[in-house]
Protein backbone atom coordinates (compact mmCIF):
# COMPACT_ATOMS: atom_id res chain seq x y z
CA MET A 1 120.45 60.54 -57.58
CA THR A 2 121.80 57.09 -58.29
CA ILE A 3 119.65 55.66 -61.50
CA PRO A 4 119.09 51.72 -60.88
CA LYS A 5 120.06 49.75 -63.51
CA PRO A 6 117.35 47.59 -65.59
CA ALA A 7 116.53 44.75 -65.09
CA ARG A 8 118.23 41.55 -65.65
CA LYS A 9 116.90 39.78 -69.02
CA LEU A 10 116.79 36.35 -70.47
CA ARG A 11 119.24 36.30 -73.70
CA LEU A 12 118.01 33.51 -76.13
CA ASN A 13 119.94 32.17 -79.19
CA ALA A 14 118.38 30.16 -81.72
CA PHE A 15 120.15 27.02 -82.49
CA LEU A 16 119.16 26.28 -86.18
CA MET A 17 120.31 22.51 -87.58
CA GLY A 18 118.72 20.97 -90.49
CA VAL A 19 114.87 20.16 -89.87
CA GLY A 20 115.48 19.31 -85.84
CA HIS A 21 118.30 18.75 -83.55
CA HIS A 22 116.85 15.67 -82.56
CA GLU A 23 118.88 12.52 -85.05
CA ALA A 24 115.74 10.75 -85.52
CA ALA A 25 114.09 14.92 -86.81
CA TRP A 26 114.13 13.86 -90.17
CA ARG A 27 112.02 10.54 -89.63
CA HIS A 28 109.20 12.15 -88.05
CA PRO A 29 105.89 13.21 -90.02
CA ARG A 30 106.35 16.47 -88.98
CA THR A 31 109.51 17.52 -90.99
CA GLU A 32 110.96 17.88 -94.56
CA PRO A 33 114.31 16.44 -94.64
CA ALA A 34 114.73 17.72 -98.14
CA ARG A 35 114.83 21.16 -97.23
CA VAL A 36 118.20 20.70 -95.16
CA THR A 37 119.42 22.42 -98.72
CA ASP A 38 116.18 25.30 -98.91
CA VAL A 39 117.26 28.80 -98.45
CA ARG A 40 113.68 29.14 -98.11
CA HIS A 41 113.31 26.84 -95.05
CA TYR A 42 116.43 28.80 -92.68
CA GLN A 43 115.09 32.67 -94.11
CA HIS A 44 111.31 31.01 -92.50
CA LEU A 45 113.26 29.70 -89.43
CA ALA A 46 115.18 33.39 -89.25
CA ARG A 47 111.96 35.04 -89.28
CA THR A 48 110.21 33.00 -86.75
CA ALA A 49 112.83 33.47 -84.28
CA GLU A 50 112.50 37.57 -85.23
CA ARG A 51 109.26 37.37 -84.76
CA GLY A 52 109.65 35.95 -80.75
CA LYS A 53 112.03 38.95 -80.28
CA LEU A 54 115.00 35.67 -80.12
CA ASP A 55 118.71 37.67 -79.59
CA SER A 56 120.03 35.62 -82.44
CA VAL A 57 120.05 32.21 -84.35
CA PHE A 58 123.49 30.18 -85.15
CA LEU A 59 124.74 27.89 -87.62
CA ALA A 60 127.09 25.04 -86.42
CA ASP A 61 129.36 24.01 -89.34
CA GLY A 62 132.53 21.30 -89.57
CA LEU A 63 134.62 21.01 -92.43
CA ALA A 64 133.65 16.97 -92.92
CA LEU A 65 130.87 15.11 -93.64
CA HIS A 66 130.05 13.79 -89.42
CA GLY A 67 128.52 10.84 -88.41
CA ASP A 68 126.37 8.39 -90.95
CA VAL A 69 124.71 10.08 -93.91
CA ARG A 70 122.75 6.86 -94.64
CA HIS A 71 120.95 7.43 -91.03
CA ASN A 72 120.53 10.79 -90.93
CA ALA A 73 119.80 14.03 -93.41
CA LEU A 74 123.15 15.55 -93.47
CA GLY A 75 125.61 17.70 -95.38
CA GLY A 76 123.90 21.31 -95.03
CA LEU A 77 124.82 24.82 -96.44
CA GLU A 78 128.38 26.93 -95.78
CA PRO A 79 126.94 29.24 -93.12
CA LEU A 80 128.44 32.49 -93.56
CA THR A 81 126.76 32.43 -97.07
CA LEU A 82 123.25 31.21 -95.65
CA LEU A 83 123.47 33.89 -92.94
CA SER A 84 124.17 36.56 -95.87
CA ALA A 85 120.58 35.19 -97.20
CA LEU A 86 118.91 35.36 -93.93
CA ALA A 87 120.24 39.25 -93.42
CA ALA A 88 117.92 39.96 -96.36
CA VAL A 89 114.94 39.13 -95.10
CA THR A 90 115.56 40.10 -91.72
CA ASP A 91 116.12 43.17 -89.69
CA HIS A 92 116.88 42.82 -85.97
CA ILE A 93 117.66 38.70 -85.29
CA GLY A 94 121.85 38.35 -85.10
CA LEU A 95 123.54 36.25 -87.43
CA ILE A 96 126.33 33.27 -85.80
CA ALA A 97 127.85 31.62 -88.06
CA THR A 98 130.84 28.67 -86.81
CA ALA A 99 134.13 29.04 -88.75
CA SER A 100 137.75 27.54 -87.73
CA THR A 101 141.16 28.96 -86.82
CA THR A 102 142.58 26.17 -87.57
CA TYR A 103 141.69 25.37 -91.72
CA ASN A 104 141.42 28.78 -92.00
CA GLU A 105 143.64 32.25 -92.67
CA PRO A 106 142.58 35.35 -90.63
CA PHE A 107 142.55 37.68 -93.38
CA HIS A 108 140.15 36.02 -95.30
CA LEU A 109 137.91 34.77 -92.54
CA ALA A 110 138.27 38.75 -91.11
CA ARG A 111 136.77 40.09 -94.62
CA LYS A 112 134.48 37.37 -94.90
CA PHE A 113 132.51 38.43 -91.69
CA ALA A 114 133.71 41.85 -91.96
CA SER A 115 131.35 41.21 -94.89
CA LEU A 116 128.59 39.93 -93.43
CA ASP A 117 128.20 42.69 -90.62
CA HIS A 118 128.05 45.02 -93.24
CA ILE A 119 125.55 43.58 -95.12
CA SER A 120 123.36 42.81 -92.31
CA GLY A 121 124.13 46.20 -90.59
CA GLY A 122 125.70 45.07 -87.83
CA ARG A 123 124.13 41.60 -86.73
CA ALA A 124 127.25 39.33 -87.34
CA GLY A 125 129.00 36.94 -84.50
CA TRP A 126 131.21 34.30 -85.14
CA ASN A 127 131.44 31.56 -82.94
CA ILE A 128 134.96 30.05 -83.27
CA VAL A 129 135.94 26.38 -82.94
CA THR A 130 139.09 24.44 -83.58
CA SER A 131 137.90 21.55 -85.24
CA ALA A 132 138.42 18.90 -82.99
CA GLY A 133 137.71 15.62 -85.45
CA GLU A 134 140.36 14.19 -87.48
CA ALA A 135 138.27 13.83 -90.42
CA GLU A 136 138.37 17.62 -90.68
CA ALA A 137 141.85 17.42 -90.78
CA HIS A 138 142.36 14.79 -93.31
CA ASN A 139 140.02 17.40 -95.73
CA PHE A 140 143.36 19.30 -95.57
CA GLY A 141 145.93 16.74 -96.16
CA VAL A 142 147.14 17.43 -92.46
CA GLU A 143 147.48 15.32 -89.18
CA ARG A 144 145.08 16.96 -86.75
CA PRO A 145 147.42 19.18 -84.15
CA SER A 146 147.12 18.85 -80.11
CA HIS A 147 144.83 20.04 -78.70
CA ALA A 148 146.81 22.27 -76.99
CA ASP A 149 148.13 23.72 -80.40
CA ARG A 150 144.78 24.47 -81.70
CA TYR A 151 143.93 26.77 -78.63
CA ALA A 152 147.72 28.49 -79.35
CA ARG A 153 147.00 28.95 -82.74
CA ALA A 154 143.17 29.66 -82.14
CA ALA A 155 144.41 32.38 -79.87
CA GLU A 156 147.07 34.18 -82.05
CA PHE A 157 143.88 33.85 -85.33
CA VAL A 158 141.46 36.09 -83.18
CA GLU A 159 144.89 38.58 -82.13
CA VAL A 160 145.09 38.75 -85.97
CA ALA A 161 141.50 39.37 -86.94
CA THR A 162 140.44 41.74 -84.21
CA ALA A 163 143.89 43.91 -85.59
CA LEU A 164 142.20 43.67 -89.07
CA TRP A 165 138.69 44.85 -87.93
CA ASP A 166 140.51 47.98 -86.79
CA SER A 167 143.06 48.16 -89.28
CA TRP A 168 140.53 50.73 -90.47
CA GLU A 169 138.83 53.90 -88.10
CA ASP A 170 135.68 54.18 -87.81
CA ASP A 171 136.13 57.72 -89.58
CA ALA A 172 138.65 57.01 -92.26
CA ILE A 173 136.36 57.44 -95.14
CA LEU A 174 135.37 60.87 -96.19
CA ALA A 175 133.81 60.29 -99.24
CA ASP A 176 134.41 63.90 -100.09
CA ARG A 177 133.66 64.23 -103.64
CA ARG A 178 134.52 68.02 -103.81
CA ALA A 179 138.10 67.59 -102.55
CA GLY A 180 138.48 64.28 -104.47
CA GLU A 181 139.36 62.21 -100.96
CA TYR A 182 137.67 58.85 -100.58
CA ALA A 183 139.02 57.77 -97.73
CA ASP A 184 141.71 59.30 -95.00
CA THR A 185 145.12 57.09 -95.34
CA GLY A 186 146.67 58.06 -92.90
CA LYS A 187 143.62 56.24 -90.70
CA ILE A 188 144.00 52.89 -92.23
CA HIS A 189 146.84 50.76 -91.05
CA THR A 190 149.05 48.00 -91.63
CA LEU A 191 149.45 45.21 -88.73
CA ASP A 192 152.98 44.21 -89.83
CA HIS A 193 152.05 40.99 -87.42
CA ASP A 194 155.07 38.37 -87.49
CA GLY A 195 153.62 35.19 -85.20
CA ALA A 196 154.37 31.69 -83.75
CA HIS A 197 151.63 31.19 -86.55
CA PHE A 198 150.63 33.49 -88.63
CA ARG A 199 152.45 36.86 -90.75
CA VAL A 200 150.18 39.30 -91.76
CA ARG A 201 150.55 42.71 -93.16
CA GLY A 202 147.31 44.20 -93.16
CA PRO A 203 144.91 46.70 -93.89
CA LEU A 204 141.65 44.76 -94.45
CA ASN A 205 139.87 45.36 -97.82
CA THR A 206 137.05 45.70 -96.23
CA SER A 207 136.59 49.00 -93.64
CA ARG A 208 135.47 48.54 -89.89
CA PRO A 209 132.43 46.69 -88.79
CA PRO A 210 129.36 48.83 -87.91
CA GLN A 211 129.85 46.39 -84.64
CA GLY A 212 133.89 47.57 -84.21
CA HIS A 213 134.21 43.57 -83.89
CA PRO A 214 131.27 40.70 -84.73
CA VAL A 215 130.41 39.90 -81.85
CA LEU A 216 132.94 36.59 -80.40
CA VAL A 217 131.10 33.43 -79.31
CA GLN A 218 132.47 30.13 -78.14
CA ALA A 219 131.43 26.74 -77.55
CA GLY A 220 134.79 24.96 -75.67
CA SER A 221 134.69 23.91 -72.26
CA SER A 222 137.62 22.23 -71.74
CA GLU A 223 140.23 23.73 -69.31
CA ASP A 224 141.88 25.39 -72.55
CA GLY A 225 139.03 26.26 -74.10
CA LYS A 226 136.81 27.67 -70.79
CA GLU A 227 140.73 29.92 -70.15
CA PHE A 228 140.23 31.02 -74.04
CA ALA A 229 136.61 32.14 -73.68
CA ALA A 230 137.57 34.29 -70.53
CA ARG A 231 139.93 36.37 -72.68
CA PHE A 232 138.10 36.76 -76.15
CA ALA A 233 135.00 35.44 -75.64
CA GLU A 234 131.70 38.01 -75.40
CA ALA A 235 129.27 34.50 -75.61
CA VAL A 236 129.77 31.03 -74.70
CA PHE A 237 127.70 27.94 -75.97
CA THR A 238 128.18 25.18 -73.55
CA ALA A 239 126.35 21.82 -72.38
CA GLN A 240 125.86 20.69 -68.72
CA GLN A 241 122.85 18.16 -67.57
CA THR A 242 122.38 19.68 -64.06
CA LEU A 243 121.51 22.70 -62.25
CA ALA A 244 124.54 22.37 -59.84
CA GLU A 245 127.27 21.77 -63.30
CA GLY A 246 125.52 24.50 -64.53
CA ARG A 247 126.47 26.87 -61.33
CA GLU A 248 129.15 25.30 -61.47
CA PHE A 249 130.79 25.89 -65.23
CA TYR A 250 129.11 29.83 -64.73
CA ALA A 251 131.03 30.53 -61.32
CA ASP A 252 134.01 28.91 -63.20
CA LEU A 253 134.13 30.73 -66.12
CA LYS A 254 132.93 34.35 -65.18
CA GLY A 255 135.69 33.88 -62.43
CA ARG A 256 138.25 33.63 -64.88
CA LEU A 257 137.55 37.26 -66.25
CA ALA A 258 139.30 39.58 -64.08
CA ARG A 259 142.75 38.33 -65.11
CA TYR A 260 142.03 39.76 -68.35
CA GLY A 261 140.65 43.01 -67.35
CA ARG A 262 137.31 42.16 -67.98
CA LEU A 263 133.73 42.13 -66.18
CA ALA A 264 131.14 39.97 -65.59
CA ASP A 265 128.70 40.98 -67.90
CA GLU A 266 131.13 40.55 -70.70
CA LEU A 267 130.75 37.43 -71.21
CA LEU A 268 126.94 35.55 -71.53
CA VAL A 269 127.13 32.00 -70.68
CA LEU A 270 124.08 30.09 -72.77
CA PRO A 271 123.62 26.50 -71.94
CA GLY A 272 121.61 23.83 -74.82
CA ILE A 273 118.57 23.16 -73.71
CA SER A 274 116.42 20.80 -76.54
CA PRO A 275 112.33 21.78 -75.26
CA ILE A 276 109.68 19.36 -76.22
CA ILE A 277 106.72 20.65 -76.21
CA GLY A 278 103.15 20.03 -75.83
CA SER A 279 99.87 21.67 -74.25
CA THR A 280 99.97 18.95 -71.42
CA GLU A 281 102.90 17.07 -70.28
CA ARG A 282 101.67 13.70 -71.38
CA GLU A 283 101.16 15.63 -74.84
CA ALA A 284 104.93 16.35 -74.92
CA LEU A 285 106.36 13.09 -72.90
CA ARG A 286 104.18 11.44 -76.07
CA LEU A 287 105.87 13.51 -78.83
CA GLU A 288 109.03 12.49 -77.05
CA LYS A 289 108.57 8.70 -77.24
CA GLU A 290 107.82 9.20 -80.86
CA LEU A 291 111.04 10.43 -81.21
CA ASP A 292 112.79 8.11 -79.38
CA GLU A 293 110.95 5.10 -80.97
CA LEU A 294 112.63 6.32 -84.51
CA ILE A 295 116.42 6.31 -83.04
CA ILE A 296 118.29 3.93 -85.67
CA PRO A 297 120.82 2.28 -82.65
CA ALA A 298 124.00 2.01 -85.39
CA TYR A 299 123.33 5.86 -85.74
CA GLY A 300 123.60 6.84 -82.26
CA VAL A 301 126.87 4.23 -81.67
CA ARG A 302 128.30 6.26 -84.77
CA GLN A 303 127.79 10.02 -83.02
CA LEU A 304 129.00 8.55 -79.83
CA SER A 305 131.70 7.30 -81.00
CA TYR A 306 132.65 10.43 -82.79
CA LEU A 307 131.47 12.37 -80.50
CA ILE A 308 133.73 10.80 -77.29
CA GLY A 309 136.85 9.63 -79.54
CA VAL A 310 136.16 5.83 -78.52
CA ASP A 311 134.88 3.43 -80.88
CA LEU A 312 131.84 1.78 -79.37
CA SER A 313 130.88 -0.18 -82.63
CA ASP A 314 131.48 -3.65 -81.43
CA HIS A 315 130.12 -3.24 -77.71
CA PRO A 316 127.05 -5.00 -76.68
CA LEU A 317 123.93 -2.72 -76.14
CA ASP A 318 122.45 -3.47 -73.63
CA ALA A 319 125.84 -3.60 -71.79
CA PRO A 320 127.56 -1.00 -70.01
CA LEU A 321 129.94 1.22 -71.33
CA PRO A 322 133.57 0.07 -71.12
CA GLU A 323 135.98 2.29 -69.04
CA LEU A 324 136.95 5.57 -71.05
CA PRO A 325 140.01 7.76 -70.87
CA ARG A 326 140.08 10.62 -69.01
CA THR A 327 141.61 12.76 -71.52
CA THR A 328 141.22 13.14 -75.99
CA GLU A 329 142.53 15.23 -78.55
CA GLY A 330 138.93 15.67 -79.07
CA GLN A 331 136.44 17.11 -77.84
CA GLN A 332 137.49 16.73 -74.13
CA SER A 333 134.57 18.77 -72.74
CA ARG A 334 131.79 16.29 -74.20
CA LEU A 335 133.55 13.58 -73.04
CA LYS A 336 133.67 14.53 -69.75
CA LEU A 337 130.10 15.18 -69.97
CA VAL A 338 129.45 11.78 -71.20
CA SER A 339 131.30 9.94 -69.12
CA ASP A 340 129.71 11.63 -65.88
CA LEU A 341 126.37 10.80 -67.42
CA ALA A 342 126.92 7.37 -67.92
CA GLU A 343 127.91 6.12 -64.54
CA ARG A 344 125.91 9.06 -62.63
CA GLU A 345 123.08 7.03 -64.05
CA ARG A 346 124.63 3.73 -64.59
CA LEU A 347 123.68 3.76 -68.28
CA THR A 348 123.97 0.58 -71.06
CA LEU A 349 125.09 1.93 -74.15
CA ARG A 350 121.02 1.64 -75.44
CA GLU A 351 120.49 3.75 -73.23
CA LEU A 352 122.88 6.10 -73.55
CA ILE A 353 122.46 6.86 -77.02
CA GLY A 354 118.83 7.31 -76.24
CA ARG A 355 119.81 9.91 -73.58
CA LEU A 356 122.43 11.75 -76.12
CA ALA A 357 119.61 11.72 -79.39
CA GLY A 358 118.05 14.39 -78.88
CA GLY A 359 120.71 16.96 -78.25
CA ARG A 360 124.24 15.03 -78.53
CA GLY A 361 124.71 16.25 -74.65
CA HIS A 362 122.57 19.33 -74.20
CA ARG A 363 119.54 18.81 -71.56
CA VAL A 364 116.60 17.65 -73.15
CA VAL A 365 113.06 18.62 -71.75
CA ALA A 366 109.78 17.76 -72.32
CA GLY A 367 106.99 19.49 -70.62
CA THR A 368 103.93 22.26 -71.10
CA PRO A 369 105.68 25.78 -72.15
CA GLU A 370 104.73 26.26 -68.86
CA GLN A 371 106.99 23.62 -67.57
CA ILE A 372 109.38 24.49 -70.19
CA ALA A 373 110.01 28.40 -69.36
CA ASP A 374 110.11 27.14 -65.31
CA GLN A 375 113.24 25.18 -66.07
CA ILE A 376 114.68 27.94 -68.00
CA GLU A 377 113.84 30.72 -65.01
CA GLU A 378 115.27 28.62 -62.41
CA TRP A 379 118.81 28.41 -64.12
CA PHE A 380 118.23 32.17 -65.23
CA THR A 381 117.61 32.97 -61.79
CA GLY A 382 119.72 30.96 -60.36
CA GLY A 383 123.25 31.20 -61.17
CA ALA A 384 123.71 29.16 -64.36
CA ALA A 385 122.87 30.74 -67.22
CA ASP A 386 122.25 34.16 -68.77
CA GLY A 387 119.80 32.63 -71.49
CA PHE A 388 120.01 29.59 -73.53
CA ASN A 389 121.05 28.04 -76.98
CA ILE A 390 117.61 26.93 -77.74
CA MET A 391 117.97 23.63 -80.45
CA PRO A 392 114.19 22.62 -81.17
CA PRO A 393 114.43 18.67 -81.68
CA LEU A 394 112.00 19.19 -84.95
CA LEU A 395 111.88 22.00 -87.28
CA PRO A 396 110.12 24.38 -87.67
CA SER A 397 107.50 23.22 -85.69
CA GLY A 398 109.77 23.03 -82.51
CA LEU A 399 111.11 26.59 -83.10
CA GLU A 400 107.47 27.46 -84.13
CA ASP A 401 106.09 26.37 -80.80
CA PHE A 402 108.84 27.93 -78.61
CA VAL A 403 108.10 31.36 -79.82
CA ASP A 404 104.31 31.12 -79.97
CA HIS A 405 103.91 29.20 -76.51
CA VAL A 406 106.98 29.82 -74.40
CA VAL A 407 108.26 33.12 -75.21
CA PRO A 408 104.76 34.73 -74.05
CA VAL A 409 105.52 32.88 -70.65
CA LEU A 410 108.62 34.41 -70.20
CA GLN A 411 107.60 37.72 -71.89
CA ALA A 412 104.55 37.88 -68.42
CA ARG A 413 106.78 37.08 -66.27
CA GLY A 414 109.03 40.32 -67.14
CA LEU A 415 111.89 37.69 -68.12
CA PHE A 416 112.07 38.63 -72.02
CA ARG A 417 112.06 41.57 -74.24
CA THR A 418 108.84 42.39 -75.94
CA GLU A 419 110.99 44.91 -78.16
CA TYR A 420 114.64 45.07 -79.72
CA GLU A 421 116.55 47.27 -78.09
CA GLY A 422 118.72 48.40 -80.91
CA ARG A 423 119.45 47.19 -84.40
CA THR A 424 122.85 45.24 -83.90
CA LEU A 425 123.86 42.07 -81.95
CA ARG A 426 125.79 43.84 -79.41
CA GLU A 427 122.80 46.19 -78.24
CA ASN A 428 120.51 43.29 -78.00
CA PHE A 429 122.92 41.38 -76.61
CA GLY A 430 123.60 43.91 -74.03
CA LEU A 431 127.37 44.37 -75.23
CA ALA A 432 129.40 47.47 -75.57
CA ARG A 433 130.86 47.86 -78.81
CA PRO A 434 134.45 47.94 -79.20
CA ALA A 435 136.97 50.58 -79.61
CA SER A 436 139.46 50.63 -82.22
CA ARG A 437 143.12 50.16 -80.96
CA GLN A 438 143.94 52.57 -83.50
CA ALA A 439 141.47 55.44 -82.14
CA ARG A 440 143.42 58.36 -81.58
CA PRO A 441 142.55 59.99 -77.80
CA ALA A 442 140.19 62.76 -77.55
CA ALA A 443 142.44 66.09 -77.35
CA VAL A 444 142.75 67.34 -73.86
CA ALA A 445 141.68 71.35 -73.46
CA SER A 446 144.13 73.30 -71.85
């Protein structure tokens, strides 16, 4: 008898950013900007996401003070430190932190993520970034490497990190007090890695993580980024503005997996969406208008200039964008998204910064809980997404509204869980636990 495959379920991640994703969130009366460094604020958000049965929470990070701190509540907490505090007050929610492969070393980072996975009981995820900004390079006293060089280093970095997590076999710890043997040293292995970017002996000085490897997440959508994702990533955070673009990206990325011996369901595609929720559509549009009226144009221009790597500070606000370069050593995929959006809708600079204020290129959708759920369902069933990276415009209220009003609609439609499937992020994401490359094959009975 053939056992039917379980119905496909949405994967939902809460992207936590300060007091909200809208760049003017800190000015809105529903937020408290002083809480961007208050651990209790983030603990409340994590518990709210867990109450809604969301898969995970995610913290972005950069290694420089990006943006104009004069006009926004910037300067948050280091994500791995913060996620350890969130692990202590939650039981199921996944904990995903951003960390750079350009300005870290594999041993150091592998140990940190292994520690978070142990602390949380198997809920850690690593959002792998290559750090596109020049300001980040200058904080480490170097020039920014080229786009290609950053991805080449990232590939070797991930290979070394995963090998370090595998350097202890799952059953290496004996804890045999009677015999006086804590570990079977025959099951703890050196790497002796000697590559183009790293020389690492190993083993890791932390035992194998509960998940085997923390879940590997990635967000680059350039050609290099998509190829890297197809090779390594298990979830991809991405940004597309239209359903057609979403379908194209989804098919392209899934289509690359076979060359690495991977199946389509081994990688989750999670586009970003910033839902502005009201009990009526009119109420949602009124909130969107309130936020947009708080935009400071000078801040928006500076953010856009950083996003696309082109200085627009002297460009007239009510003129169309100048012709933009087709490539950059920075964020290539975001440059293309912004260029396509401005060209498709013939936006002036003022109109463009308004469109980007809510999600920096991710879709902003204003409406009732049912209308938000309609948008999510259309992309999920229409071949454009396996789930979504939820980016509330205001925090905590935007996340509370999503959990209390949108999630029940998705559950009633049979699209989203009502209980967690397991205790680890891999179990809840529907991802297999990787076998250790050091594990010996089982003996075959003669």
